[in-house]
Amino acid sequence: MREAIAEYVEREEKRQEMRKQAVAAWEELQSTGLHATEQEVSAWLESWGTDDELPPPEWHK
């Protein structure tokens, strides 16, 4: 029982931290307007491990 409770608490703490990071990222986007598009990020990720690996996309408004 203790192990299950400890696992639950750990999971919830991680979930709370992820939410906190997501909110901070959203607030930064709202204040700066800097972003990369889904297409830019997808192209970059798809190039990983290939001979033509792309650099990370540039942030823009």
C-alpha atoms as a PDB file:
ATOM      1  CA  MET A   1       0.000   0.000   0.000  1.00  0.00           C
ATOM      2  CA  ARG A   2       2.804   2.430   0.897  1.00  0.00           C
ATOM      3  CA  GLU A   3       4.550   1.713  -2.377  1.00  0.00           C
ATOM      4  CA  ALA A   4       1.375   2.400  -4.351  1.00  0.00           C
ATOM      5  CA  ILE A   5       0.836   5.687  -2.515  1.00  0.00           C
ATOM      6  CA  ALA A   6       4.473   6.705  -3.057  1.00  0.00           C
ATOM      7  CA  GLU A   7       4.190   5.926  -6.780  1.00  0.00           C
ATOM      8  CA  TYR A   8       0.962   7.912  -7.015  1.00  0.00           C
ATOM      9  CA  VAL A   9       2.501  10.922  -5.257  1.00  0.00           C
ATOM     10  CA  GLU A  10       5.573  10.773  -7.504  1.00  0.00           C
ATOM     11  CA  ARG A  11       3.392  10.580 -10.615  1.00  0.00           C
ATOM     12  CA  GLU A  12       1.269  13.508  -9.479  1.00  0.00           C
ATOM     13  CA  GLU A  13       4.342  15.598  -8.677  1.00  0.00           C
ATOM     14  CA  LYS A  14       5.723  14.936 -12.166  1.00  0.00           C
ATOM     15  CA  ARG A  15       2.348  15.775 -13.721  1.00  0.00           C
ATOM     16  CA  GLN A  16       2.185  19.020 -11.737  1.00  0.00           C
ATOM     17  CA  GLU A  17       5.721  19.975 -12.817  1.00  0.00           C
ATOM     18  CA  MET A  18       4.901  19.283 -16.477  1.00  0.00           C
ATOM     19  CA  ARG A  19       1.788  21.453 -16.196  1.00  0.00           C
ATOM     20  CA  LYS A  20       3.816  24.221 -14.568  1.00  0.00           C
ATOM     21  CA  GLN A  21       6.341  24.086 -17.428  1.00  0.00           C
ATOM     22  CA  ALA A  22       3.561  24.113 -20.027  1.00  0.00           C
ATOM     23  CA  VAL A  23       1.930  27.163 -18.449  1.00  0.00           C
ATOM     24  CA  ALA A  24       5.296  28.950 -18.306  1.00  0.00           C
ATOM     25  CA  ALA A  25       5.933  28.149 -21.991  1.00  0.00           C
ATOM     26  CA  TRP A  26       2.460  29.408 -22.941  1.00  0.00           C
ATOM     27  CA  GLU A  27       2.985  32.631 -20.981  1.00  0.00           C
ATOM     28  CA  GLU A  28       6.361  33.160 -22.673  1.00  0.00           C
ATOM     29  CA  LEU A  29       4.775  32.654 -26.100  1.00  0.00           C
ATOM     30  CA  GLN A  30       2.057  35.148 -25.225  1.00  0.00           C
ATOM     31  CA  SER A  31       4.563  37.769 -24.065  1.00  0.00           C
ATOM     32  CA  THR A  32       7.224  37.353 -26.782  1.00  0.00           C
ATOM     33  CA  GLY A  33       5.338  35.903 -29.739  1.00  0.00           C
ATOM     34  CA  LEU A  34       8.394  33.800 -30.580  1.00  0.00           C
ATOM     35  CA  HIS A  35       7.617  30.351 -31.930  1.00  0.00           C
ATOM     36  CA  ALA A  36       8.453  27.663 -34.481  1.00  0.00           C
ATOM     37  CA  THR A  37       5.751  26.097 -36.628  1.00  0.00           C
ATOM     38  CA  GLU A  38       4.714  22.458 -36.409  1.00  0.00           C
ATOM     39  CA  GLN A  39       6.050  21.941 -39.939  1.00  0.00           C
ATOM     40  CA  GLU A  40       9.452  23.390 -39.014  1.00  0.00           C
ATOM     41  CA  VAL A  41       9.754  21.244 -35.904  1.00  0.00           C
ATOM     42  CA  SER A  42       8.519  18.103 -37.690  1.00  0.00           C
ATOM     43  CA  ALA A  43      11.009  18.546 -40.540  1.00  0.00           C
ATOM     44  CA  TRP A  44      13.794  18.985 -37.999  1.00  0.00           C
ATOM     45  CA  LEU A  45      12.770  15.914 -35.987  1.00  0.00           C
ATOM     46  CA  GLU A  46      12.375  13.774 -39.115  1.00  0.00           C
ATOM     47  CA  SER A  47      15.943  14.657 -40.133  1.00  0.00           C
ATOM     48  CA  TRP A  48      17.445  13.331 -36.897  1.00  0.00           C
ATOM     49  CA  GLY A  49      19.857  10.473 -37.484  1.00  0.00           C
ATOM     50  CA  THR A  50      20.077  11.084 -41.229  1.00  0.00           C
ATOM     51  CA  ASP A  51      23.041  12.267 -43.267  1.00  0.00           C
ATOM     52  CA  ASP A  52      21.141  15.518 -43.911  1.00  0.00           C
ATOM     53  CA  GLU A  53      20.242  16.339 -40.304  1.00  0.00           C
ATOM     54  CA  LEU A  54      18.828  19.852 -40.049  1.00  0.00           C
ATOM     55  CA  PRO A  55      19.716  22.427 -37.401  1.00  0.00           C
ATOM     56  CA  PRO A  56      16.955  23.313 -34.921  1.00  0.00           C
ATOM     57  CA  PRO A  57      14.392  25.737 -36.340  1.00  0.00           C
ATOM     58  CA  GLU A  58      14.841  29.431 -35.666  1.00  0.00           C
ATOM     59  CA  TRP A  59      12.318  31.127 -33.376  1.00  0.00           C
ATOM     60  CA  HIS A  60      10.300  33.832 -35.123  1.00  0.00           C
ATOM     61  CA  LYS A  61       7.198  35.968 -34.722  1.00  0.00           C
END
